[in-house]
C-alpha atoms as a PDB file:
ATOM      1  CA  UNK A   1      -8.937   9.904  -8.090  1.00  0.00           C
ATOM      2  CA  UNK A   2      -7.080   6.794  -7.034  1.00  0.00           C
ATOM      3  CA  UNK A   3      -3.738   5.678  -5.750  1.00  0.00           C
ATOM      4  CA  UNK A   4      -2.087   2.303  -6.075  1.00  0.00           C
ATOM      5  CA  UNK A   5      -2.770   0.130  -3.027  1.00  0.00           C
ATOM      6  CA  UNK A   6       0.405  -1.364  -1.553  1.00  0.00           C
ATOM      7  CA  UNK A   7       0.824  -5.023  -0.728  1.00  0.00           C
ATOM      8  CA  UNK A   8       0.831  -5.144   3.083  1.00  0.00           C
ATOM      9  CA  UNK A   9       3.360  -7.947   3.475  1.00  0.00           C
ATOM     10  CA  UNK A  10       5.651  -6.590   0.756  1.00  0.00           C
ATOM     11  CA  UNK A  11       5.726  -3.061   2.141  1.00  0.00           C
ATOM     12  CA  UNK A  12       6.236  -4.340   5.688  1.00  0.00           C
ATOM     13  CA  UNK A  13       9.057  -6.688   4.675  1.00  0.00           C
ATOM     14  CA  UNK A  14      10.728  -4.010   2.574  1.00  0.00           C
ATOM     15  CA  UNK A  15      10.586  -1.374   5.301  1.00  0.00           C
ATOM     16  CA  UNK A  16      12.077  -3.805   7.803  1.00  0.00           C
ATOM     17  CA  UNK A  17      14.904  -4.767   5.436  1.00  0.00           C
ATOM     18  CA  UNK A  18      15.719  -1.337   4.059  1.00  0.00           C
ATOM     19  CA  UNK A  19      15.276   0.414   7.417  1.00  0.00           C
ATOM     20  CA  UNK A  20      17.825  -1.952   8.919  1.00  0.00           C
ATOM     21  CA  UNK A  21      20.173  -1.384   6.007  1.00  0.00           C
ATOM     22  CA  UNK A  22      19.970   2.386   6.487  1.00  0.00           C
ATOM     23  CA  UNK A  23      20.616   2.138  10.236  1.00  0.00           C
ATOM     24  CA  UNK A  24      23.677  -0.055   9.600  1.00  0.00           C
ATOM     25  CA  UNK A  25      24.984   2.448   7.048  1.00  0.00           C
ATOM     26  CA  UNK A  26      24.579   5.381   9.441  1.00  0.00           C
ATOM     27  CA  UNK A  27      26.247   3.445  12.259  1.00  0.00           C
ATOM     28  CA  UNK A  28      29.428   3.074  10.191  1.00  0.00           C
ATOM     29  CA  UNK A  29      29.677   6.807   9.415  1.00  0.00           C
ATOM     30  CA  UNK A  30      32.718   8.532  10.991  1.00  0.00           C
ATOM     31  CA  UNK A  31      30.552  11.523  11.971  1.00  0.00           C
ATOM     32  CA  UNK A  32      27.275  13.237  11.108  1.00  0.00           C
ATOM     33  CA  UNK A  33      28.632  16.425   9.583  1.00  0.00           C
ATOM     34  CA  UNK A  34      29.470  15.291   6.052  1.00  0.00           C
ATOM     35  CA  UNK A  35      27.801  17.228   3.256  1.00  0.00           C
ATOM     36  CA  UNK A  36      25.498  15.277   0.936  1.00  0.00           C
ATOM     37  CA  UNK A  37      26.209  16.023  -2.741  1.00  0.00           C
ATOM     38  CA  UNK A  38      23.259  17.770  -4.346  1.00  0.00           C
ATOM     39  CA  UNK A  39      21.502  18.530  -1.060  1.00  0.00           C
ATOM     40  CA  UNK A  40      21.730  21.331   1.484  1.00  0.00           C
ATOM     41  CA  UNK A  41      21.553  18.818   4.362  1.00  0.00           C
ATOM     42  CA  UNK A  42      24.373  17.014   6.145  1.00  0.00           C
ATOM     43  CA  UNK A  43      24.287  13.253   6.613  1.00  0.00           C
ATOM     44  CA  UNK A  44      23.106  13.845  10.180  1.00  0.00           C
ATOM     45  CA  UNK A  45      20.232  16.007   9.012  1.00  0.00           C
ATOM     46  CA  UNK A  46      19.208  13.400   6.453  1.00  0.00           C
ATOM     47  CA  UNK A  47      19.229  10.726   9.164  1.00  0.00           C
ATOM     48  CA  UNK A  48      17.185  12.994  11.456  1.00  0.00           C
ATOM     49  CA  UNK A  49      14.715  13.615   8.632  1.00  0.00           C
ATOM     50  CA  UNK A  50      14.133   9.898   8.054  1.00  0.00           C
ATOM     51  CA  UNK A  51      13.819   9.247  11.802  1.00  0.00           C
ATOM     52  CA  UNK A  52      11.261  12.061  11.950  1.00  0.00           C
ATOM     53  CA  UNK A  53       9.328  10.565   9.023  1.00  0.00           C
ATOM     54  CA  UNK A  54       9.163   7.184  10.765  1.00  0.00           C
ATOM     55  CA  UNK A  55       8.130   8.718  14.066  1.00  0.00           C
ATOM     56  CA  UNK A  56       5.485  11.061  12.667  1.00  0.00           C
ATOM     57  CA  UNK A  57       4.001   8.645  10.126  1.00  0.00           C
ATOM     58  CA  UNK A  58       3.638   6.000  12.835  1.00  0.00           C
ATOM     59  CA  UNK A  59       1.941   8.529  15.105  1.00  0.00           C
ATOM     60  CA  UNK A  60      -0.590   9.609  12.485  1.00  0.00           C
ATOM     61  CA  UNK A  61      -1.417   5.996  11.596  1.00  0.00           C
ATOM     62  CA  UNK A  62      -2.072   5.439  15.327  1.00  0.00           C
ATOM     63  CA  UNK A  63      -4.423   8.438  15.299  1.00  0.00           C
ATOM     64  CA  UNK A  64      -2.203  10.703  17.391  1.00  0.00           C
ATOM     65  CA  UNK A  65      -1.545  13.552  14.929  1.00  0.00           C
ATOM     66  CA  UNK A  66      -4.032  16.465  14.730  1.00  0.00           C
ATOM     67  CA  UNK A  67      -4.888  18.190  11.448  1.00  0.00           C
ATOM     68  CA  UNK A  68      -3.646  21.532  12.795  1.00  0.00           C
ATOM     69  CA  UNK A  69      -0.235  20.285  13.958  1.00  0.00           C
ATOM     70  CA  UNK A  70       1.657  22.778  11.783  1.00  0.00           C
ATOM     71  CA  UNK A  71      -0.776  25.705  11.853  1.00  0.00           C
ATOM     72  CA  UNK A  72       1.273  28.889  11.914  1.00  0.00           C
ATOM     73  CA  UNK A  73       4.367  27.081  10.634  1.00  0.00           C
ATOM     74  CA  UNK A  74       3.202  26.447   7.095  1.00  0.00           C
ATOM     75  CA  UNK A  75       1.355  29.692   6.370  1.00  0.00           C
ATOM     76  CA  UNK A  76       1.592  31.159   3.858  1.00  0.00           C
ATOM     77  CA  UNK A  77       3.040  28.342   1.758  1.00  0.00           C
ATOM     78  CA  UNK A  78       1.200  28.050  -1.558  1.00  0.00           C
ATOM     79  CA  UNK A  79       2.634  24.737  -2.738  1.00  0.00           C
ATOM     80  CA  UNK A  80       3.091  21.321  -1.161  1.00  0.00           C
ATOM     81  CA  UNK A  81       6.901  21.334  -1.670  1.00  0.00           C
ATOM     82  CA  UNK A  82       7.191  24.717   0.071  1.00  0.00           C
ATOM     83  CA  UNK A  83       5.046  23.486   2.939  1.00  0.00           C
ATOM     84  CA  UNK A  84       7.036  20.269   3.164  1.00  0.00           C
ATOM     85  CA  UNK A  85      10.311  22.206   3.280  1.00  0.00           C
ATOM     86  CA  UNK A  86       9.125  24.060   6.380  1.00  0.00           C
ATOM     87  CA  UNK A  87       7.734  21.026   8.147  1.00  0.00           C
ATOM     88  CA  UNK A  88      10.882  19.032   7.361  1.00  0.00           C
ATOM     89  CA  UNK A  89      12.915  21.704   9.145  1.00  0.00           C
ATOM     90  CA  UNK A  90      10.657  21.316  12.172  1.00  0.00           C
ATOM     91  CA  UNK A  91      10.971  17.540  12.091  1.00  0.00           C
ATOM     92  CA  UNK A  92      14.765  17.634  11.841  1.00  0.00           C
ATOM     93  CA  UNK A  93      14.920  20.115  14.707  1.00  0.00           C
ATOM     94  CA  UNK A  94      12.839  17.809  16.894  1.00  0.00           C
ATOM     95  CA  UNK A  95      15.283  14.915  16.482  1.00  0.00           C
ATOM     96  CA  UNK A  96      18.501  15.584  18.364  1.00  0.00           C
ATOM     97  CA  UNK A  97      21.375  13.418  17.159  1.00  0.00           C
ATOM     98  CA  UNK A  98      24.828  13.582  18.727  1.00  0.00           C
ATOM     99  CA  UNK A  99      26.563  10.610  17.112  1.00  0.00           C
ATOM    100  CA  UNK A 100      26.221   8.003  14.359  1.00  0.00           C
ATOM    101  CA  UNK A 101      25.382   5.390  16.997  1.00  0.00           C
ATOM    102  CA  UNK A 102      22.526   7.502  18.344  1.00  0.00           C
ATOM    103  CA  UNK A 103      21.281   8.236  14.812  1.00  0.00           C
ATOM    104  CA  UNK A 104      21.242   4.516  14.000  1.00  0.00           C
ATOM    105  CA  UNK A 105      19.331   3.791  17.199  1.00  0.00           C
ATOM    106  CA  UNK A 106      16.735   6.491  16.423  1.00  0.00           C
ATOM    107  CA  UNK A 107      16.269   5.075  12.938  1.00  0.00           C
ATOM    108  CA  UNK A 108      15.803   1.554  14.288  1.00  0.00           C
ATOM    109  CA  UNK A 109      13.282   2.756  16.878  1.00  0.00           C
ATOM    110  CA  UNK A 110      11.373   4.743  14.268  1.00  0.00           C
ATOM    111  CA  UNK A 111      11.241   1.858  11.804  1.00  0.00           C
ATOM    112  CA  UNK A 112       9.967  -0.457  14.558  1.00  0.00           C
ATOM    113  CA  UNK A 113       7.259   2.087  15.412  1.00  0.00           C
ATOM    114  CA  UNK A 114       6.183   2.194  11.755  1.00  0.00           C
ATOM    115  CA  UNK A 115       6.077  -1.595  11.539  1.00  0.00           C
ATOM    116  CA  UNK A 116       4.002  -1.787  14.712  1.00  0.00           C
ATOM    117  CA  UNK A 117       1.593   0.847  13.386  1.00  0.00           C
ATOM    118  CA  UNK A 118       1.172  -1.064  10.120  1.00  0.00           C
ATOM    119  CA  UNK A 119       0.575  -4.318  11.995  1.00  0.00           C
ATOM    120  CA  UNK A 120      -2.064  -2.663  14.210  1.00  0.00           C
ATOM    121  CA  UNK A 121      -4.001  -1.233  11.246  1.00  0.00           C
ATOM    122  CA  UNK A 122      -6.302  -3.808   9.630  1.00  0.00           C
ATOM    123  CA  UNK A 123      -7.357  -1.459   6.806  1.00  0.00           C
ATOM    124  CA  UNK A 124      -4.467   0.252   5.053  1.00  0.00           C
ATOM    125  CA  UNK A 125      -6.952   2.345   3.073  1.00  0.00           C
ATOM    126  CA  UNK A 126      -8.000   4.300   6.169  1.00  0.00           C
ATOM    127  CA  UNK A 127      -7.203   8.035   5.660  1.00  0.00           C
ATOM    128  CA  UNK A 128      -4.792   9.674   8.091  1.00  0.00           C
ATOM    129  CA  UNK A 129      -4.016  13.373   8.612  1.00  0.00           C
ATOM    130  CA  UNK A 130      -0.840  14.378   6.757  1.00  0.00           C
ATOM    131  CA  UNK A 131      -0.318  18.015   7.834  1.00  0.00           C
ATOM    132  CA  UNK A 132       3.349  17.901   6.730  1.00  0.00           C
ATOM    133  CA  UNK A 133       2.034  18.408   3.189  1.00  0.00           C
ATOM    134  CA  UNK A 134      -0.479  21.133   4.005  1.00  0.00           C
ATOM    135  CA  UNK A 135      -3.741  21.829   5.830  1.00  0.00           C
ATOM    136  CA  UNK A 136      -6.486  19.310   5.199  1.00  0.00           C
ATOM    137  CA  UNK A 137      -4.291  16.848   3.297  1.00  0.00           C
ATOM    138  CA  UNK A 138      -4.657  13.168   4.152  1.00  0.00           C
ATOM    139  CA  UNK A 139      -2.892  10.015   3.017  1.00  0.00           C
ATOM    140  CA  UNK A 140      -3.978   6.449   3.502  1.00  0.00           C
ATOM    141  CA  UNK A 141      -2.061   4.353   6.011  1.00  0.00           C
ATOM    142  CA  UNK A 142      -0.805   2.238   3.123  1.00  0.00           C
ATOM    143  CA  UNK A 143       0.440   5.284   1.237  1.00  0.00           C
ATOM    144  CA  UNK A 144       2.314   6.481   4.338  1.00  0.00           C
ATOM    145  CA  UNK A 145       3.913   3.054   4.640  1.00  0.00           C
ATOM    146  CA  UNK A 146       5.017   3.174   0.997  1.00  0.00           C
ATOM    147  CA  UNK A 147       6.222   6.767   1.374  1.00  0.00           C
ATOM    148  CA  UNK A 148       8.372   5.692   4.311  1.00  0.00           C
ATOM    149  CA  UNK A 149       9.973   3.036   2.099  1.00  0.00           C
ATOM    150  CA  UNK A 150      10.570   5.616  -0.631  1.00  0.00           C
ATOM    151  CA  UNK A 151      12.229   7.978   1.866  1.00  0.00           C
ATOM    152  CA  UNK A 152      14.377   5.146   3.197  1.00  0.00           C
ATOM    153  CA  UNK A 153      15.606   4.074  -0.226  1.00  0.00           C
ATOM    154  CA  UNK A 154      16.389   7.549  -1.489  1.00  0.00           C
ATOM    155  CA  UNK A 155      18.092   8.738   1.672  1.00  0.00           C
ATOM    156  CA  UNK A 156      20.160   5.565   1.968  1.00  0.00           C
ATOM    157  CA  UNK A 157      21.603   6.611  -1.361  1.00  0.00           C
ATOM    158  CA  UNK A 158      22.098  10.185  -0.136  1.00  0.00           C
ATOM    159  CA  UNK A 159      23.868   9.204   3.072  1.00  0.00           C
ATOM    160  CA  UNK A 160      26.036   6.704   1.212  1.00  0.00           C
ATOM    161  CA  UNK A 161      27.147   9.466  -1.136  1.00  0.00           C
ATOM    162  CA  UNK A 162      27.821  11.735   1.832  1.00  0.00           C
ATOM    163  CA  UNK A 163      30.103   9.273   3.616  1.00  0.00           C
ATOM    164  CA  UNK A 164      31.696   7.874   0.463  1.00  0.00           C
ATOM    165  CA  UNK A 165      30.068   4.435   0.532  1.00  0.00           C
ATOM    166  CA  UNK A 166      28.658   3.128  -2.732  1.00  0.00           C
ATOM    167  CA  UNK A 167      25.123   1.827  -2.340  1.00  0.00           C
ATOM    168  CA  UNK A 168      22.843   0.188  -4.880  1.00  0.00           C
ATOM    169  CA  UNK A 169      19.097   0.582  -4.677  1.00  0.00           C
ATOM    170  CA  UNK A 170      17.129  -2.642  -4.898  1.00  0.00           C
ATOM    171  CA  UNK A 171      14.652  -2.772  -7.788  1.00  0.00           C
ATOM    172  CA  UNK A 172      12.508  -5.209  -5.796  1.00  0.00           C
ATOM    173  CA  UNK A 173      12.320  -2.707  -2.922  1.00  0.00           C
ATOM    174  CA  UNK A 174      11.747   0.282  -5.188  1.00  0.00           C
ATOM    175  CA  UNK A 175       8.798  -1.343  -6.971  1.00  0.00           C
ATOM    176  CA  UNK A 176       7.018  -1.741  -3.623  1.00  0.00           C
ATOM    177  CA  UNK A 177       7.128   2.018  -3.051  1.00  0.00           C
ATOM    178  CA  UNK A 178       7.306   3.858  -6.377  1.00  0.00           C
ATOM    179  CA  UNK A 179       3.834   3.154  -7.845  1.00  0.00           C
ATOM    180  CA  UNK A 180       2.080   4.004  -4.575  1.00  0.00           C
ATOM    181  CA  UNK A 181       4.165   7.088  -3.840  1.00  0.00           C
ATOM    182  CA  UNK A 182       3.841   8.576  -7.324  1.00  0.00           C
ATOM    183  CA  UNK A 183       0.112   7.886  -7.738  1.00  0.00           C
ATOM    184  CA  UNK A 184      -0.514   9.428  -4.310  1.00  0.00           C
ATOM    185  CA  UNK A 185       1.729  12.482  -4.674  1.00  0.00           C
ATOM    186  CA  UNK A 186       1.309  13.547  -8.310  1.00  0.00           C
ATOM    187  CA  UNK A 187      -2.171  15.049  -7.795  1.00  0.00           C
ATOM    188  CA  UNK A 188      -0.706  17.201  -4.984  1.00  0.00           C
ATOM    189  CA  UNK A 189       2.304  18.627  -6.797  1.00  0.00           C
ATOM    190  CA  UNK A 190       1.147  19.808 -10.218  1.00  0.00           C
ATOM    191  CA  UNK A 191       3.270  22.746 -11.359  1.00  0.00           C
ATOM    192  CA  UNK A 192       1.049  25.693 -12.208  1.00  0.00           C
ATOM    193  CA  UNK A 193       3.705  27.085 -14.538  1.00  0.00           C
ATOM    194  CA  UNK A 194       4.801  23.797 -16.070  1.00  0.00           C
ATOM    195  CA  UNK A 195       1.244  22.627 -16.743  1.00  0.00           C
ATOM    196  CA  UNK A 196      -0.060  25.907 -18.132  1.00  0.00           C
ATOM    197  CA  UNK A 197      -1.893  25.166 -21.396  1.00  0.00           C
ATOM    198  CA  UNK A 198      -0.985  21.467 -21.279  1.00  0.00           C
ATOM    199  CA  UNK A 199      -3.489  18.732 -22.053  1.00  0.00           C
ATOM    200  CA  UNK A 200      -2.308  15.147 -22.086  1.00  0.00           C
ATOM    201  CA  UNK A 201      -2.479  11.703 -20.539  1.00  0.00           C
ATOM    202  CA  UNK A 202       0.123   9.162 -19.475  1.00  0.00           C
ATOM    203  CA  UNK A 203       0.008   5.497 -18.617  1.00  0.00           C
ATOM    204  CA  UNK A 204       2.767   4.912 -16.071  1.00  0.00           C
ATOM    205  CA  UNK A 205       3.871   1.277 -16.005  1.00  0.00           C
ATOM    206  CA  UNK A 206       6.427   0.118 -13.444  1.00  0.00           C
ATOM    207  CA  UNK A 207       8.548  -2.839 -14.469  1.00  0.00           C
ATOM    208  CA  UNK A 208       7.765  -5.694 -12.129  1.00  0.00           C
ATOM    209  CA  UNK A 209       4.908  -3.879 -10.409  1.00  0.00           C
ATOM    210  CA  UNK A 210       1.654  -1.966 -10.627  1.00  0.00           C
ATOM    211  CA  UNK A 211       0.789   1.031 -12.800  1.00  0.00           C
ATOM    212  CA  UNK A 212      -1.680   3.855 -13.119  1.00  0.00           C
ATOM    213  CA  UNK A 213      -2.945   6.474 -15.562  1.00  0.00           C
ATOM    214  CA  UNK A 214      -2.537  10.211 -14.991  1.00  0.00           C
ATOM    215  CA  UNK A 215      -4.437  12.962 -16.811  1.00  0.00           C
ATOM    216  CA  UNK A 216      -3.419  16.623 -16.905  1.00  0.00           C
ATOM    217  CA  UNK A 217      -5.785  19.262 -18.316  1.00  0.00           C
ATOM    218  CA  UNK A 218      -6.873  22.785 -17.479  1.00  0.00           C
ATOM    219  CA  UNK A 219      -4.506  23.089 -14.551  1.00  0.00           C
ATOM    220  CA  UNK A 220      -5.903  19.946 -12.918  1.00  0.00           C
ATOM    221  CA  UNK A 221      -4.529  16.436 -12.509  1.00  0.00           C
ATOM    222  CA  UNK A 222      -6.218  13.159 -11.656  1.00  0.00           C
ATOM    223  CA  UNK A 223      -5.247   9.511 -11.637  1.00  0.00           C
ATOM    224  CA  UNK A 224      -7.061   6.299 -12.519  1.00  0.00           C
ATOM    225  CA  UNK A 225      -6.408   2.591 -12.433  1.00  0.00           C
ATOM    226  CA  UNK A 226      -4.903   1.076 -15.577  1.00  0.00           C
ATOM    227  CA  UNK A 227      -7.580  -0.252 -17.905  1.00  0.00           C
ATOM    228  CA  UNK A 228      -8.157  -0.201 -21.662  1.00  0.00           C
ATOM    229  CA  UNK A 229      -8.276   3.588 -21.909  1.00  0.00           C
ATOM    230  CA  UNK A 230      -6.347   5.330 -24.680  1.00  0.00           C
ATOM    231  CA  UNK A 231      -3.581   7.662 -23.589  1.00  0.00           C
ATOM    232  CA  UNK A 232      -1.153   9.982 -25.329  1.00  0.00           C
ATOM    233  CA  UNK A 233       2.037   8.487 -23.923  1.00  0.00           C
ATOM    234  CA  UNK A 234       2.912   5.183 -22.280  1.00  0.00           C
ATOM    235  CA  UNK A 235       5.905   5.300 -19.967  1.00  0.00           C
ATOM    236  CA  UNK A 236       7.735   2.106 -18.996  1.00  0.00           C
ATOM    237  CA  UNK A 237       9.745   2.843 -15.858  1.00  0.00           C
ATOM    238  CA  UNK A 238      12.403   1.013 -13.939  1.00  0.00           C
ATOM    239  CA  UNK A 239      11.153   1.603 -10.366  1.00  0.00           C
ATOM    240  CA  UNK A 240      14.565   2.871  -9.235  1.00  0.00           C
ATOM    241  CA  UNK A 241      14.550   5.407 -12.052  1.00  0.00           C
ATOM    242  CA  UNK A 242      11.014   6.393 -11.051  1.00  0.00           C
ATOM    243  CA  UNK A 243      12.209   7.305  -7.559  1.00  0.00           C
ATOM    244  CA  UNK A 244      15.204   9.174  -8.947  1.00  0.00           C
ATOM    245  CA  UNK A 245      12.876  11.271 -11.120  1.00  0.00           C
ATOM    246  CA  UNK A 246      10.285  11.790  -8.399  1.00  0.00           C
ATOM    247  CA  UNK A 247      12.908  12.945  -5.896  1.00  0.00           C
ATOM    248  CA  UNK A 248      14.598  15.127  -8.523  1.00  0.00           C
ATOM    249  CA  UNK A 249      17.926  13.293  -8.370  1.00  0.00           C
ATOM    250  CA  UNK A 250      18.357  12.774 -12.140  1.00  0.00           C
ATOM    251  CA  UNK A 251      16.938  14.369 -15.263  1.00  0.00           C
ATOM    252  CA  UNK A 252      14.372  12.562 -17.377  1.00  0.00           C
ATOM    253  CA  UNK A 253      16.637  12.850 -20.428  1.00  0.00           C
ATOM    254  CA  UNK A 254      19.493  11.080 -18.644  1.00  0.00           C
ATOM    255  CA  UNK A 255      17.212   8.291 -17.473  1.00  0.00           C
ATOM    256  CA  UNK A 256      15.798   7.877 -20.993  1.00  0.00           C
ATOM    257  CA  UNK A 257      19.324   7.507 -22.357  1.00  0.00           C
ATOM    258  CA  UNK A 258      20.130   4.866 -19.729  1.00  0.00           C
ATOM    259  CA  UNK A 259      16.995   2.869 -20.547  1.00  0.00           C
ATOM    260  CA  UNK A 260      15.397   3.495 -17.168  1.00  0.00           C
ATOM    261  CA  UNK A 261      12.460   5.147 -18.931  1.00  0.00           C
ATOM    262  CA  UNK A 262      11.111   3.954 -22.274  1.00  0.00           C
ATOM    263  CA  UNK A 263       8.268   5.985 -23.827  1.00  0.00           C
ATOM    264  CA  UNK A 264       5.925   4.845 -26.571  1.00  0.00           C
ATOM    265  CA  UNK A 265       2.405   5.439 -27.849  1.00  0.00           C
ATOM    266  CA  UNK A 266       0.944   8.080 -30.137  1.00  0.00           C
ATOM    267  CA  UNK A 267       2.861  10.990 -28.511  1.00  0.00           C
ATOM    268  CA  UNK A 268       5.965   9.433 -26.932  1.00  0.00           C
ATOM    269  CA  UNK A 269       7.835  12.751 -26.820  1.00  0.00           C
ATOM    270  CA  UNK A 270       5.541  13.869 -24.001  1.00  0.00           C
ATOM    271  CA  UNK A 271       7.634  11.710 -21.645  1.00  0.00           C
ATOM    272  CA  UNK A 272      10.286  14.426 -21.695  1.00  0.00           C
ATOM    273  CA  UNK A 273       7.640  16.909 -20.568  1.00  0.00           C
ATOM    274  CA  UNK A 274       6.283  14.745 -17.758  1.00  0.00           C
ATOM    275  CA  UNK A 275       8.760  15.771 -15.059  1.00  0.00           C
ATOM    276  CA  UNK A 276       8.269  19.476 -15.797  1.00  0.00           C
ATOM    277  CA  UNK A 277       4.552  19.154 -15.126  1.00  0.00           C
ATOM    278  CA  UNK A 278       5.174  18.407 -11.456  1.00  0.00           C
ATOM    279  CA  UNK A 279       7.043  20.053  -8.603  1.00  0.00           C
ATOM    280  CA  UNK A 280       9.638  18.020  -6.697  1.00  0.00           C
ATOM    281  CA  UNK A 281       8.176  17.126  -3.268  1.00  0.00           C
END
């Protein structure tokens, strides 16, 4: 099992830039109560969620988060998305936001804490407890950094939609996060129902960035580095489209039609099945 290793300077630079962009967007909101299309959260709850992610990811990279942090909160929760839904509620509840100005300040403080934690960690491959996803789950410090970028990019879009401000996700920023996030999360979110009876392999190639290979068979999933191995389906992904699929914001069919996903290989039709094999985190 492997995950793509992020580039330290790229992920740091991207988090600093995109975190600042998100804080500026929140600061200009008229209030925090606007509904976000497609979500059950308000703009204020989305901002609190991202601030919580920054705060908690920084703490676990610093070694301050115990494995049993959410014991009793997450049980029973058989899947990672169900567990994450419960822990997200806790995180949002722990961040009290009374105004857009306060929300922007919390986001800036959280992003600075993440940047400081990254800078203080010489080895981004060190495993850190990630109890938000379930008991015993760990992520590397580098994966947490990339996940924080992914959350920032996606929720900038969400908050923009909530307050009526058009935002455009940067492909250069998305490619820093998408390969790491997807290679790290896919082994955790296989859909028991969607993958029943399925056997297949995919080479996921991100335009302008890294890639990986994912195998699904017998109700199990594992990932490998890209090499000369034969696979059933090769998927060329625009990194922004990759995040939209991973966060369940657009259907695979729509992204195929827009050119954000181009499948080829001996079984290219499997690309339309790929999203159904995994639960949305």
